[in-house]
PDB file of N, CA and C in Angstrom:
ATOM      1  N   MET A   1     113.901 120.334  93.834  1.00  0.00           N
ATOM      2  CA  MET A   1     113.274 119.499  94.821  1.00  0.00           C
ATOM      3  C   MET A   1     114.132 119.559  96.189  1.00  0.00           C
ATOM      4  N   ALA A   2     113.440 119.878  97.174  1.00  0.00           N
ATOM      5  CA  ALA A   2     114.094 119.996  98.517  1.00  0.00           C
ATOM      6  C   ALA A   2     114.374 118.655  99.064  1.00  0.00           C
ATOM      7  N   ALA A   3     115.393 118.364  99.681  1.00  0.00           N
ATOM      8  CA  ALA A   3     115.937 117.204 100.394  1.00  0.00           C
ATOM      9  C   ALA A   3     115.087 117.049 101.627  1.00  0.00           C
ATOM     10  N   THR A   4     114.545 115.835 101.891  1.00  0.00           N
ATOM     11  CA  THR A   4     113.946 115.612 103.131  1.00  0.00           C
ATOM     12  C   THR A   4     114.919 115.205 104.074  1.00  0.00           C
ATOM     13  N   ILE A   5     114.778 115.585 105.276  1.00  0.00           N
ATOM     14  CA  ILE A   5     115.741 115.348 106.298  1.00  0.00           C
ATOM     15  C   ILE A   5     114.892 114.402 107.272  1.00  0.00           C
ATOM     16  N   PRO A   6     115.316 113.170 107.423  1.00  0.00           N
ATOM     17  CA  PRO A   6     114.506 112.172 108.229  1.00  0.00           C
ATOM     18  C   PRO A   6     114.703 112.551 109.807  1.00  0.00           C
ATOM     19  N   GLU A   7     113.753 112.155 110.381  1.00  0.00           N
ATOM     20  CA  GLU A   7     113.740 112.309 111.843  1.00  0.00           C
ATOM     21  C   GLU A   7     115.014 111.494 112.503  1.00  0.00           C
ATOM     22  N   PRO A   8     115.473 111.972 113.603  1.00  0.00           N
ATOM     23  CA  PRO A   8     116.649 111.403 114.116  1.00  0.00           C
ATOM     24  C   PRO A   8     116.582 109.792 114.338  1.00  0.00           C
ATOM     25  N   GLU A   9     115.340 109.348 114.676  1.00  0.00           N
ATOM     26  CA  GLU A   9     115.303 107.938 114.998  1.00  0.00           C
ATOM     27  C   GLU A   9     115.201 107.089 113.625  1.00  0.00           C
ATOM     28  N   ALA A  10     114.888 107.876 112.560  1.00  0.00           N
ATOM     29  CA  ALA A  10     114.821 107.170 111.227  1.00  0.00           C
ATOM     30  C   ALA A  10     116.143 107.068 110.600  1.00  0.00           C
ATOM     31  N   ARG A  11     117.069 107.917 111.001  1.00  0.00           N
ATOM     32  CA  ARG A  11     118.351 108.037 110.269  1.00  0.00           C
ATOM     33  C   ARG A  11     119.072 106.695 109.918  1.00  0.00           C
ATOM     34  N   PRO A  12     119.178 105.874 110.829  1.00  0.00           N
ATOM     35  CA  PRO A  12     119.855 104.576 110.575  1.00  0.00           C
ATOM     36  C   PRO A  12     119.259 103.785 109.492  1.00  0.00           C
ATOM     37  N   ALA A  13     117.888 103.734 109.409  1.00  0.00           N
ATOM     38  CA  ALA A  13     117.261 103.072 108.405  1.00  0.00           C
ATOM     39  C   ALA A  13     117.451 103.783 106.960  1.00  0.00           C
ATOM     40  N   TRP A  14     117.593 104.966 106.997  1.00  0.00           N
ATOM     41  CA  TRP A  14     117.804 105.674 105.707  1.00  0.00           C
ATOM     42  C   TRP A  14     119.273 105.553 105.251  1.00  0.00           C
ATOM     43  N   GLN A  15     120.176 105.570 106.208  1.00  0.00           N
ATOM     44  CA  GLN A  15     121.633 105.313 105.912  1.00  0.00           C
ATOM     45  C   GLN A  15     121.683 103.833 105.413  1.00  0.00           C
ATOM     46  N   TYR A  16     121.138 102.969 105.958  1.00  0.00           N
ATOM     47  CA  TYR A  16     120.931 101.494 105.543  1.00  0.00           C
ATOM     48  C   TYR A  16     120.566 101.449 104.036  1.00  0.00           C
ATOM     49  N   GLU A  17     119.439 102.245 103.700  1.00  0.00           N
ATOM     50  CA  GLU A  17     118.872 102.238 102.298  1.00  0.00           C
ATOM     51  C   GLU A  17     119.951 102.783 101.231  1.00  0.00           C
ATOM     52  N   ARG A  18     120.485 103.961 101.779  1.00  0.00           N
ATOM     53  CA  ARG A  18     121.360 104.658 100.799  1.00  0.00           C
ATOM     54  C   ARG A  18     122.710 104.033 100.570  1.00  0.00           C
ATOM     55  N   CYS A  19     123.174 103.352 101.624  1.00  0.00           N
ATOM     56  CA  CYS A  19     124.551 102.734 101.465  1.00  0.00           C
ATOM     57  C   CYS A  19     124.510 101.169 101.202  1.00  0.00           C
ATOM     58  N   THR A  20     123.871 100.469 102.244  1.00  0.00           N
ATOM     59  CA  THR A  20     124.058  99.113 102.022  1.00  0.00           C
ATOM     60  C   THR A  20     123.142  98.575 100.812  1.00  0.00           C
ATOM     61  N   VAL A  21     121.955  98.976 100.704  1.00  0.00           N
ATOM     62  CA  VAL A  21     121.065  98.510  99.667  1.00  0.00           C
ATOM     63  C   VAL A  21     121.636  98.902  98.248  1.00  0.00           C
ATOM     64  N   ARG A  22     121.926 100.163  98.150  1.00  0.00           N
ATOM     65  CA  ARG A  22     122.397 100.668  96.877  1.00  0.00           C
ATOM     66  C   ARG A  22     123.544 100.055  96.403  1.00  0.00           C
ATOM     67  N   TYR A  23     124.676  99.882  97.232  1.00  0.00           N
ATOM     68  CA  TYR A  23     125.981  99.489  96.792  1.00  0.00           C
ATOM     69  C   TYR A  23     126.329  97.959  97.092  1.00  0.00           C
ATOM     70  N   LEU A  24     125.739  97.476  98.022  1.00  0.00           N
ATOM     71  CA  LEU A  24     126.081  95.995  98.462  1.00  0.00           C
ATOM     72  C   LEU A  24     124.890  95.033  97.914  1.00  0.00           C
ATOM     73  N   ARG A  25     123.650  95.361  98.258  1.00  0.00           N
ATOM     74  CA  ARG A  25     122.562  94.320  97.999  1.00  0.00           C
ATOM     75  C   ARG A  25     121.874  94.607  96.673  1.00  0.00           C
ATOM     76  N   GLY A  26     121.861  95.889  96.274  1.00  0.00           N
ATOM     77  CA  GLY A  26     121.153  96.257  94.898  1.00  0.00           C
ATOM     78  C   GLY A  26     121.453  95.423  93.844  1.00  0.00           C
ATOM     79  N   PRO A  27     122.766  95.039  93.597  1.00  0.00           N
ATOM     80  CA  PRO A  27     123.224  94.499  92.320  1.00  0.00           C
ATOM     81  C   PRO A  27     122.642  92.959  92.314  1.00  0.00           C
ATOM     82  N   TRP A  28     122.365  92.319  93.484  1.00  0.00           N
ATOM     83  CA  TRP A  28     122.099  90.961  93.328  1.00  0.00           C
ATOM     84  C   TRP A  28     120.478  90.641  93.551  1.00  0.00           C
ATOM     85  N   VAL A  29     119.877  91.657  93.695  1.00  0.00           N
ATOM     86  CA  VAL A  29     118.358  91.521  93.888  1.00  0.00           C
ATOM     87  C   VAL A  29     117.823  90.910  92.736  1.00  0.00           C
ATOM     88  N   GLU A  30     118.135  91.293  91.597  1.00  0.00           N
ATOM     89  CA  GLU A  30     117.528  90.804  90.181  1.00  0.00           C
ATOM     90  C   GLU A  30     117.764  89.319  90.192  1.00  0.00           C
ATOM     91  N   ASP A  31     119.129  89.066  90.440  1.00  0.00           N
ATOM     92  CA  ASP A  31     119.505  87.625  90.458  1.00  0.00           C
ATOM     93  C   ASP A  31     118.701  86.741  91.258  1.00  0.00           C
ATOM     94  N   LEU A  32     118.488  87.214  92.658  1.00  0.00           N
ATOM     95  CA  LEU A  32     117.685  86.592  93.609  1.00  0.00           C
ATOM     96  C   LEU A  32     116.307  86.287  93.047  1.00  0.00           C
ATOM     97  N   LEU A  33     115.712  87.297  92.402  1.00  0.00           N
ATOM     98  CA  LEU A  33     114.267  87.011  91.977  1.00  0.00           C
ATOM     99  C   LEU A  33     114.306  86.131  90.872  1.00  0.00           C
ATOM    100  N   ASP A  34     115.391  86.083  90.001  1.00  0.00           N
ATOM    101  CA  ASP A  34     115.425  85.139  88.857  1.00  0.00           C
ATOM    102  C   ASP A  34     115.604  83.689  89.544  1.00  0.00           C
ATOM    103  N   LEU A  35     116.375  83.505  90.466  1.00  0.00           N
ATOM    104  CA  LEU A  35     116.586  82.193  91.024  1.00  0.00           C
ATOM    105  C   LEU A  35     115.394  81.669  91.631  1.00  0.00           C
ATOM    106  N   ALA A  36     114.678  82.634  92.264  1.00  0.00           N
ATOM    107  CA  ALA A  36     113.434  82.232  93.018  1.00  0.00           C
ATOM    108  C   ALA A  36     112.244  82.024  91.893  1.00  0.00           C
ATOM    109  N   GLU A  37     112.506  82.270  90.665  1.00  0.00           N
ATOM    110  CA  GLU A  37     111.559  82.248  89.573  1.00  0.00           C
ATOM    111  C   GLU A  37     110.183  83.025  89.936  1.00  0.00           C
ATOM    112  N   VAL A  38     110.365  84.196  90.316  1.00  0.00           N
ATOM    113  CA  VAL A  38     109.189  85.118  90.586  1.00  0.00           C
ATOM    114  C   VAL A  38     108.505  85.405  89.343  1.00  0.00           C
ATOM    115  N   GLN A  39     107.228  85.214  89.279  1.00  0.00           N
ATOM    116  CA  GLN A  39     106.477  85.280  88.090  1.00  0.00           C
ATOM    117  C   GLN A  39     105.155  86.157  88.337  1.00  0.00           C
ATOM    118  N   PRO A  40     104.520  86.725  87.308  1.00  0.00           N
ATOM    119  CA  PRO A  40     103.297  87.446  87.481  1.00  0.00           C
ATOM    120  C   PRO A  40     102.228  86.508  88.180  1.00  0.00           C
ATOM    121  N   GLY A  41     101.456  87.081  88.986  1.00  0.00           N
ATOM    122  CA  GLY A  41     100.432  86.566  89.639  1.00  0.00           C
ATOM    123  C   GLY A  41     100.689  85.695  91.020  1.00  0.00           C
ATOM    124  N   GLN A  42     102.031  85.635  91.197  1.00  0.00           N
ATOM    125  CA  GLN A  42     102.479  84.822  92.480  1.00  0.00           C
ATOM    126  C   GLN A  42     102.226  85.724  93.747  1.00  0.00           C
ATOM    127  N   ARG A  43     102.344  85.001  94.912  1.00  0.00           N
ATOM    128  CA  ARG A  43     102.382  85.700  96.183  1.00  0.00           C
ATOM    129  C   ARG A  43     103.843  85.536  96.773  1.00  0.00           C
ATOM    130  N   VAL A  44     104.377  86.670  97.128  1.00  0.00           N
ATOM    131  CA  VAL A  44     105.666  86.651  97.616  1.00  0.00           C
ATOM    132  C   VAL A  44     105.793  87.090  99.041  1.00  0.00           C
ATOM    133  N   LEU A  45     106.590  86.370  99.954  1.00  0.00           N
ATOM    134  CA  LEU A  45     106.739  86.933 101.230  1.00  0.00           C
ATOM    135  C   LEU A  45     108.193  87.241 101.350  1.00  0.00           C
ATOM    136  N   ASP A  46     108.500  88.499 101.786  1.00  0.00           N
ATOM    137  CA  ASP A  46     109.806  88.910 102.060  1.00  0.00           C
ATOM    138  C   ASP A  46     110.082  89.025 103.483  1.00  0.00           C
ATOM    139  N   LEU A  47     110.769  87.937 104.036  1.00  0.00           N
ATOM    140  CA  LEU A  47     111.016  88.019 105.417  1.00  0.00           C
ATOM    141  C   LEU A  47     112.270  88.876 105.763  1.00  0.00           C
ATOM    142  N   ALA A  48     112.351  89.610 106.826  1.00  0.00           N
ATOM    143  CA  ALA A  48     113.214  90.600 107.109  1.00  0.00           C
ATOM    144  C   ALA A  48     113.518  91.546 106.044  1.00  0.00           C
ATOM    145  N   CYS A  49     112.366  92.082 105.473  1.00  0.00           N
ATOM    146  CA  CYS A  49     112.507  92.889 104.347  1.00  0.00           C
ATOM    147  C   CYS A  49     113.263  94.237 104.486  1.00  0.00           C
ATOM    148  N   GLY A  50     113.489  94.648 105.594  1.00  0.00           N
ATOM    149  CA  GLY A  50     114.305  95.945 105.806  1.00  0.00           C
ATOM    150  C   GLY A  50     113.663  97.206 105.196  1.00  0.00           C
ATOM    151  N   THR A  51     114.299  97.847 104.361  1.00  0.00           N
ATOM    152  CA  THR A  51     113.676  98.919 103.634  1.00  0.00           C
ATOM    153  C   THR A  51     112.987  98.564 102.365  1.00  0.00           C
ATOM    154  N   GLY A  52     112.805  97.322 102.083  1.00  0.00           N
ATOM    155  CA  GLY A  52     111.940  96.872 100.898  1.00  0.00           C
ATOM    156  C   GLY A  52     112.657  96.713  99.651  1.00  0.00           C
ATOM    157  N   ALA A  53     114.010  96.620  99.554  1.00  0.00           N
ATOM    158  CA  ALA A  53     114.762  96.480  98.347  1.00  0.00           C
ATOM    159  C   ALA A  53     114.204  95.307  97.401  1.00  0.00           C
ATOM    160  N   VAL A  54     114.047  94.114  97.974  1.00  0.00           N
ATOM    161  CA  VAL A  54     113.632  93.121  97.293  1.00  0.00           C
ATOM    162  C   VAL A  54     112.026  93.125  97.047  1.00  0.00           C
ATOM    163  N   ALA A  55     111.383  93.529  98.041  1.00  0.00           N
ATOM    164  CA  ALA A  55     109.994  93.680  97.901  1.00  0.00           C
ATOM    165  C   ALA A  55     109.517  94.542  96.763  1.00  0.00           C
ATOM    166  N   ARG A  56     110.161  95.727  96.661  1.00  0.00           N
ATOM    167  CA  ARG A  56     109.925  96.638  95.631  1.00  0.00           C
ATOM    168  C   ARG A  56     109.948  95.961  94.147  1.00  0.00           C
ATOM    169  N   LEU A  57     111.223  95.272  93.936  1.00  0.00           N
ATOM    170  CA  LEU A  57     111.274  94.661  92.668  1.00  0.00           C
ATOM    171  C   LEU A  57     110.380  93.485  92.500  1.00  0.00           C
ATOM    172  N   ALA A  58     110.224  92.659  93.664  1.00  0.00           N
ATOM    173  CA  ALA A  58     109.197  91.567  93.514  1.00  0.00           C
ATOM    174  C   ALA A  58     107.882  91.990  93.084  1.00  0.00           C
ATOM    175  N   ALA A  59     107.491  93.257  93.569  1.00  0.00           N
ATOM    176  CA  ALA A  59     106.136  93.691  93.250  1.00  0.00           C
ATOM    177  C   ALA A  59     105.969  94.020  91.837  1.00  0.00           C
ATOM    178  N   VAL A  60     107.023  94.440  91.141  1.00  0.00           N
ATOM    179  CA  VAL A  60     106.978  94.765  89.740  1.00  0.00           C
ATOM    180  C   VAL A  60     106.766  93.465  88.991  1.00  0.00           C
ATOM    181  N   ARG A  61     107.468  92.368  89.497  1.00  0.00           N
ATOM    182  CA  ARG A  61     107.488  91.043  88.782  1.00  0.00           C
ATOM    183  C   ARG A  61     106.182  90.285  88.929  1.00  0.00           C
ATOM    184  N   VAL A  62     105.425  90.432  90.062  1.00  0.00           N
ATOM    185  CA  VAL A  62     104.291  89.745  90.250  1.00  0.00           C
ATOM    186  C   VAL A  62     102.990  90.542  89.790  1.00  0.00           C
ATOM    187  N   ALA A  63     103.154  91.673  89.460  1.00  0.00           N
ATOM    188  CA  ALA A  63     102.080  92.653  88.930  1.00  0.00           C
ATOM    189  C   ALA A  63     101.457  91.928  87.643  1.00  0.00           C
ATOM    190  N   PRO A  64     100.178  92.160  87.341  1.00  0.00           N
ATOM    191  CA  PRO A  64      99.234  93.012  88.150  1.00  0.00           C
ATOM    192  C   PRO A  64      98.369  92.303  89.222  1.00  0.00           C
ATOM    193  N   ALA A  65      98.466  90.884  89.220  1.00  0.00           N
ATOM    194  CA  ALA A  65      97.476  90.113  89.971  1.00  0.00           C
ATOM    195  C   ALA A  65      98.250  89.570  91.165  1.00  0.00           C
ATOM    196  N   GLY A  66      99.569  89.520  91.220  1.00  0.00           N
ATOM    197  CA  GLY A  66     100.251  89.020  92.465  1.00  0.00           C
ATOM    198  C   GLY A  66     100.313  89.947  93.559  1.00  0.00           C
ATOM    199  N   THR A  67     100.814  89.457  94.632  1.00  0.00           N
ATOM    200  CA  THR A  67     100.942  90.189  95.951  1.00  0.00           C
ATOM    201  C   THR A  67     102.297  90.092  96.609  1.00  0.00           C
ATOM    202  N   VAL A  68     102.736  90.980  97.282  1.00  0.00           N
ATOM    203  CA  VAL A  68     104.027  90.928  98.028  1.00  0.00           C
ATOM    204  C   VAL A  68     103.710  91.478  99.392  1.00  0.00           C
ATOM    205  N   THR A  69     104.217  90.572 100.394  1.00  0.00           N
ATOM    206  CA  THR A  69     104.168  91.021 101.801  1.00  0.00           C
ATOM    207  C   THR A  69     105.578  91.077 102.343  1.00  0.00           C
ATOM    208  N   GLY A  70     105.936  92.285 102.870  1.00  0.00           N
ATOM    209  CA  GLY A  70     107.178  92.552 103.411  1.00  0.00           C
ATOM    210  C   GLY A  70     107.000  92.407 105.034  1.00  0.00           C
ATOM    211  N   LEU A  71     107.750  91.664 105.740  1.00  0.00           N
ATOM    212  CA  LEU A  71     107.853  91.403 107.106  1.00  0.00           C
ATOM    213  C   LEU A  71     109.188  91.825 107.671  1.00  0.00           C
ATOM    214  N   ASP A  72     109.197  92.804 108.708  1.00  0.00           N
ATOM    215  CA  ASP A  72     110.424  93.124 109.408  1.00  0.00           C
ATOM    216  C   ASP A  72     110.022  93.573 110.774  1.00  0.00           C
ATOM    217  N   MET A  73     110.866  93.218 111.686  1.00  0.00           N
ATOM    218  CA  MET A  73     110.734  93.682 113.089  1.00  0.00           C
ATOM    219  C   MET A  73     111.005  95.128 113.432  1.00  0.00           C
ATOM    220  N   ASP A  74     111.633  95.789 112.681  1.00  0.00           N
ATOM    221  CA  ASP A  74     112.175  97.223 112.824  1.00  0.00           C
ATOM    222  C   ASP A  74     111.120  98.215 112.273  1.00  0.00           C
ATOM    223  N   ALA A  75     110.351  98.933 112.935  1.00  0.00           N
ATOM    224  CA  ALA A  75     109.362  99.766 112.517  1.00  0.00           C
ATOM    225  C   ALA A  75     110.062 100.897 111.721  1.00  0.00           C
ATOM    226  N   ARG A  76     111.310 101.304 112.078  1.00  0.00           N
ATOM    227  CA  ARG A  76     111.994 102.424 111.315  1.00  0.00           C
ATOM    228  C   ARG A  76     112.208 101.954 109.807  1.00  0.00           C
ATOM    229  N   MET A  77     112.721 100.645 109.744  1.00  0.00           N
ATOM    230  CA  MET A  77     112.870 100.137 108.356  1.00  0.00           C
ATOM    231  C   MET A  77     111.575 100.071 107.581  1.00  0.00           C
ATOM    232  N   LEU A  78     110.553  99.756 108.186  1.00  0.00           N
ATOM    233  CA  LEU A  78     109.297  99.706 107.587  1.00  0.00           C
ATOM    234  C   LEU A  78     108.723 100.999 107.036  1.00  0.00           C
ATOM    235  N   ARG A  79     109.120 102.036 107.910  1.00  0.00           N
ATOM    236  CA  ARG A  79     108.715 103.349 107.620  1.00  0.00           C
ATOM    237  C   ARG A  79     109.476 103.818 106.285  1.00  0.00           C
ATOM    238  N   VAL A  80     110.572 103.605 106.270  1.00  0.00           N
ATOM    239  CA  VAL A  80     111.418 103.950 104.943  1.00  0.00           C
ATOM    240  C   VAL A  80     110.911 103.161 103.798  1.00  0.00           C
ATOM    241  N   ALA A  81     110.683 101.859 104.020  1.00  0.00           N
ATOM    242  CA  ALA A  81     110.036 100.929 102.876  1.00  0.00           C
ATOM    243  C   ALA A  81     108.784 101.616 102.374  1.00  0.00           C
ATOM    244  N   ALA A  82     107.951 102.058 103.287  1.00  0.00           N
ATOM    245  CA  ALA A  82     106.599 102.639 102.975  1.00  0.00           C
ATOM    246  C   ALA A  82     106.744 103.966 102.060  1.00  0.00           C
ATOM    247  N   GLN A  83     107.847 104.632 102.376  1.00  0.00           N
ATOM    248  CA  GLN A  83     108.182 105.836 101.674  1.00  0.00           C
ATOM    249  C   GLN A  83     108.807 105.738 100.316  1.00  0.00           C
ATOM    250  N   LEU A  84     109.451 104.602 100.165  1.00  0.00           N
ATOM    251  CA  LEU A  84     110.240 104.391  98.950  1.00  0.00           C
ATOM    252  C   LEU A  84     109.275 103.672  97.794  1.00  0.00           C
ATOM    253  N   ALA A  85     108.519 104.566  97.288  1.00  0.00           N
ATOM    254  CA  ALA A  85     107.706 103.988  96.017  1.00  0.00           C
ATOM    255  C   ALA A  85     107.007 102.713  96.284  1.00  0.00           C
ATOM    256  N   MET A  86     106.668 102.287  97.555  1.00  0.00           N
ATOM    257  CA  MET A  86     105.952 101.148  97.784  1.00  0.00           C
ATOM    258  C   MET A  86     104.480 101.433  97.328  1.00  0.00           C
ATOM    259  N   GLN A  87     104.051 102.473  97.679  1.00  0.00           N
ATOM    260  CA  GLN A  87     102.651 103.054  97.257  1.00  0.00           C
ATOM    261  C   GLN A  87     101.668 101.898  96.988  1.00  0.00           C
ATOM    262  N   GLY A  88     101.514 100.953  97.920  1.00  0.00           N
ATOM    263  CA  GLY A  88     100.580  99.778  97.736  1.00  0.00           C
ATOM    264  C   GLY A  88     100.955  98.657  97.005  1.00  0.00           C
ATOM    265  N   ALA A  89     102.250  98.750  96.645  1.00  0.00           N
ATOM    266  CA  ALA A  89     102.737  97.704  95.766  1.00  0.00           C
ATOM    267  C   ALA A  89     103.042  96.444  96.652  1.00  0.00           C
ATOM    268  N   ALA A  90     103.292  96.687  97.910  1.00  0.00           N
ATOM    269  CA  ALA A  90     103.467  95.591  98.934  1.00  0.00           C
ATOM    270  C   ALA A  90     102.748  95.891 100.145  1.00  0.00           C
ATOM    271  N   ALA A  91     102.380  94.818 100.913  1.00  0.00           N
ATOM    272  CA  ALA A  91     101.905  95.060 102.206  1.00  0.00           C
ATOM    273  C   ALA A  91     102.917  94.924 103.097  1.00  0.00           C
ATOM    274  N   LEU A  92     103.047  95.848 104.093  1.00  0.00           N
ATOM    275  CA  LEU A  92     104.106  95.824 105.136  1.00  0.00           C
ATOM    276  C   LEU A  92     103.637  95.470 106.438  1.00  0.00           C
ATOM    277  N   GLN A  93     104.304  94.628 107.184  1.00  0.00           N
ATOM    278  CA  GLN A  93     103.770  94.160 108.478  1.00  0.00           C
ATOM    279  C   GLN A  93     105.114  94.216 109.396  1.00  0.00           C
ATOM    280  N   GLN A  94     104.867  94.542 110.659  1.00  0.00           N
ATOM    281  CA  GLN A  94     105.810  94.574 111.617  1.00  0.00           C
ATOM    282  C   GLN A  94     105.644  93.176 112.476  1.00  0.00           C
ATOM    283  N   GLY A  95     106.743  92.456 112.592  1.00  0.00           N
ATOM    284  CA  GLY A  95     106.717  91.273 113.494  1.00  0.00           C
ATOM    285  C   GLY A  95     108.077  90.513 113.316  1.00  0.00           C
ATOM    286  N   SER A  96     108.030  89.238 113.915  1.00  0.00           N
ATOM    287  CA  SER A  96     109.325  88.636 113.823  1.00  0.00           C
ATOM    288  C   SER A  96     108.912  87.111 113.780  1.00  0.00           C
TER     289      SER A  96
END
């Protein structure tokens, strides 16, 4: 499988995903969803969703009838979120 080289303007968002999410935020996402008591069928709003780390896992928990909406002001972060296995699992919106 060939590596995808992101466009220059998207590189900071990809670096955020690869480093910050994987090593700093990733371990606590499950705990966050447990504390929020995210259950099947619920609607979840992920504010400042970034690359979608929380939204991706929340979408699994609310399936099949629930919905997740990720909101972020940075279009680059949302593009990365859309590429990372979101595939309709969450609606992504740009805004603040």
